Amino acid sequence: MKILGLDLSLNCSGLSIYDDGHIIFYNTIEHPKNTSFEDKLIRIGNYMEKLLDTHQIDLAVIENVFSDFAGTGLILAKVHGIV
């Protein structure tokens, strides 16, 4: 069973793929410093689309949003929505 683990963030998202308990792939999605909000979302979406086309994922797990600030939570919700 292939499991995709995601730690999503607007600026640097982490991801890993496990197959039968063994890590088979890991990476980060980072952006150049002056990348706009919209372009970051597009880049994350495009990366995830390519990743899912390459690996047949059985289950995806996303880390919970931990924030005391409503603005941060809304931004992360948009990132989660793209994925």
C-alpha atoms as a PDB file:
ATOM      1  CA  MET A   1       0.000   0.000   0.000  1.00  0.00           C
ATOM      2  CA  LYS A   2       1.421   3.391  -1.011  1.00  0.00           C
ATOM      3  CA  ILE A   3       0.810   6.183   1.485  1.00  0.00           C
ATOM      4  CA  LEU A   4       1.453   9.858   0.753  1.00  0.00           C
ATOM      5  CA  GLY A   5       2.274  11.967   3.807  1.00  0.00           C
ATOM      6  CA  LEU A   6       1.898  15.738   3.476  1.00  0.00           C
ATOM      7  CA  ASP A   7       3.038  18.616   5.684  1.00  0.00           C
ATOM      8  CA  LEU A   8       1.530  21.503   3.751  1.00  0.00           C
ATOM      9  CA  SER A   9       2.620  25.115   3.907  1.00  0.00           C
ATOM     10  CA  LEU A  10       2.411  28.028   1.521  1.00  0.00           C
ATOM     11  CA  ASN A  11       6.185  28.560   1.424  1.00  0.00           C
ATOM     12  CA  CYS A  12       7.673  25.096   1.919  1.00  0.00           C
ATOM     13  CA  SER A  13       5.575  21.925   1.870  1.00  0.00           C
ATOM     14  CA  GLY A  14       7.065  18.570   2.779  1.00  0.00           C
ATOM     15  CA  LEU A  15       5.936  15.249   1.385  1.00  0.00           C
ATOM     16  CA  SER A  16       6.907  11.618   1.513  1.00  0.00           C
ATOM     17  CA  ILE A  17       5.675   8.372   0.016  1.00  0.00           C
ATOM     18  CA  TYR A  18       5.808   5.081   1.871  1.00  0.00           C
ATOM     19  CA  ASP A  19       5.313   1.656   0.349  1.00  0.00           C
ATOM     20  CA  ASP A  20       4.694  -1.164   2.819  1.00  0.00           C
ATOM     21  CA  GLY A  21       6.301   0.863   5.599  1.00  0.00           C
ATOM     22  CA  HIS A  22       9.428   1.844   3.653  1.00  0.00           C
ATOM     23  CA  ILE A  23      10.054   5.372   2.453  1.00  0.00           C
ATOM     24  CA  ILE A  24      10.401   5.379  -1.320  1.00  0.00           C
ATOM     25  CA  PHE A  25      10.260   9.118  -2.071  1.00  0.00           C
ATOM     26  CA  TYR A  26      10.513  12.431  -0.248  1.00  0.00           C
ATOM     27  CA  ASN A  27      10.796  16.041  -1.309  1.00  0.00           C
ATOM     28  CA  THR A  28       9.841  19.616  -0.549  1.00  0.00           C
ATOM     29  CA  ILE A  29       7.913  22.109  -2.637  1.00  0.00           C
ATOM     30  CA  GLU A  30       9.633  25.468  -2.274  1.00  0.00           C
ATOM     31  CA  HIS A  31       9.198  28.730  -4.154  1.00  0.00           C
ATOM     32  CA  PRO A  32      11.443  31.640  -5.120  1.00  0.00           C
ATOM     33  CA  LYS A  33      11.207  34.471  -2.581  1.00  0.00           C
ATOM     34  CA  ASN A  34       9.076  36.869  -4.642  1.00  0.00           C
ATOM     35  CA  THR A  35       6.549  34.306  -5.904  1.00  0.00           C
ATOM     36  CA  SER A  36       2.974  35.596  -5.596  1.00  0.00           C
ATOM     37  CA  PHE A  37       0.353  33.864  -3.465  1.00  0.00           C
ATOM     38  CA  GLU A  38      -1.567  32.732  -6.544  1.00  0.00           C
ATOM     39  CA  ASP A  39       1.545  31.401  -8.278  1.00  0.00           C
ATOM     40  CA  LYS A  40       2.516  29.436  -5.156  1.00  0.00           C
ATOM     41  CA  LEU A  41      -0.884  27.726  -5.178  1.00  0.00           C
ATOM     42  CA  ILE A  42      -0.550  26.965  -8.893  1.00  0.00           C
ATOM     43  CA  ARG A  43       2.962  25.551  -8.404  1.00  0.00           C
ATOM     44  CA  ILE A  44       1.778  23.331  -5.519  1.00  0.00           C
ATOM     45  CA  GLY A  45      -1.190  22.095  -7.565  1.00  0.00           C
ATOM     46  CA  ASN A  46       0.957  21.355 -10.610  1.00  0.00           C
ATOM     47  CA  TYR A  47       3.551  19.512  -8.536  1.00  0.00           C
ATOM     48  CA  MET A  48       0.898  17.377  -6.847  1.00  0.00           C
ATOM     49  CA  GLU A  49      -0.739  16.555 -10.182  1.00  0.00           C
ATOM     50  CA  LYS A  50       2.584  15.318 -11.595  1.00  0.00           C
ATOM     51  CA  LEU A  51       3.327  13.385  -8.403  1.00  0.00           C
ATOM     52  CA  LEU A  52      -0.041  11.614  -8.484  1.00  0.00           C
ATOM     53  CA  ASP A  53       0.401  10.798 -12.176  1.00  0.00           C
ATOM     54  CA  THR A  54       3.775   9.203 -11.391  1.00  0.00           C
ATOM     55  CA  HIS A  55       2.885   7.271  -8.206  1.00  0.00           C
ATOM     56  CA  GLN A  56      -0.265   5.249  -7.642  1.00  0.00           C
ATOM     57  CA  ILE A  57      -1.202   6.458  -4.161  1.00  0.00           C
ATOM     58  CA  ASP A  58      -3.614   4.371  -2.088  1.00  0.00           C
ATOM     59  CA  LEU A  59      -3.971   6.762   0.854  1.00  0.00           C
ATOM     60  CA  ALA A  60      -3.038  10.382   1.559  1.00  0.00           C
ATOM     61  CA  VAL A  61      -2.466  11.776   5.049  1.00  0.00           C
ATOM     62  CA  ILE A  62      -2.321  15.526   5.702  1.00  0.00           C
ATOM     63  CA  GLU A  63      -0.962  17.055   8.902  1.00  0.00           C
ATOM     64  CA  ASN A  64      -3.546  19.015  10.907  1.00  0.00           C
ATOM     65  CA  VAL A  65      -3.487  22.804  10.859  1.00  0.00           C
ATOM     66  CA  PHE A  66      -2.082  24.177  14.107  1.00  0.00           C
ATOM     67  CA  SER A  67      -2.436  27.952  14.353  1.00  0.00           C
ATOM     68  CA  ASP A  68      -3.719  30.511  16.816  1.00  0.00           C
ATOM     69  CA  PHE A  69      -4.103  33.021  13.995  1.00  0.00           C
ATOM     70  CA  ALA A  70      -7.199  32.985  11.774  1.00  0.00           C
ATOM     71  CA  GLY A  71      -5.279  34.397   8.785  1.00  0.00           C
ATOM     72  CA  THR A  72      -2.748  31.584   8.873  1.00  0.00           C
ATOM     73  CA  GLY A  73      -5.511  29.013   9.102  1.00  0.00           C
ATOM     74  CA  LEU A  74      -7.266  30.500   6.063  1.00  0.00           C
ATOM     75  CA  ILE A  75      -4.060  30.453   4.008  1.00  0.00           C
ATOM     76  CA  LEU A  76      -3.403  26.809   4.898  1.00  0.00           C
ATOM     77  CA  ALA A  77      -7.015  25.945   4.086  1.00  0.00           C
ATOM     78  CA  LYS A  78      -6.428  27.283   0.572  1.00  0.00           C
ATOM     79  CA  VAL A  79      -3.287  25.179   0.237  1.00  0.00           C
ATOM     80  CA  HIS A  80      -5.213  22.111   1.458  1.00  0.00           C
ATOM     81  CA  GLY A  81      -7.946  22.898  -1.066  1.00  0.00           C
ATOM     82  CA  ILE A  82      -5.449  22.867  -3.949  1.00  0.00           C
ATOM     83  CA  VAL A  83      -4.175  19.445  -2.916  1.00  0.00           C
END
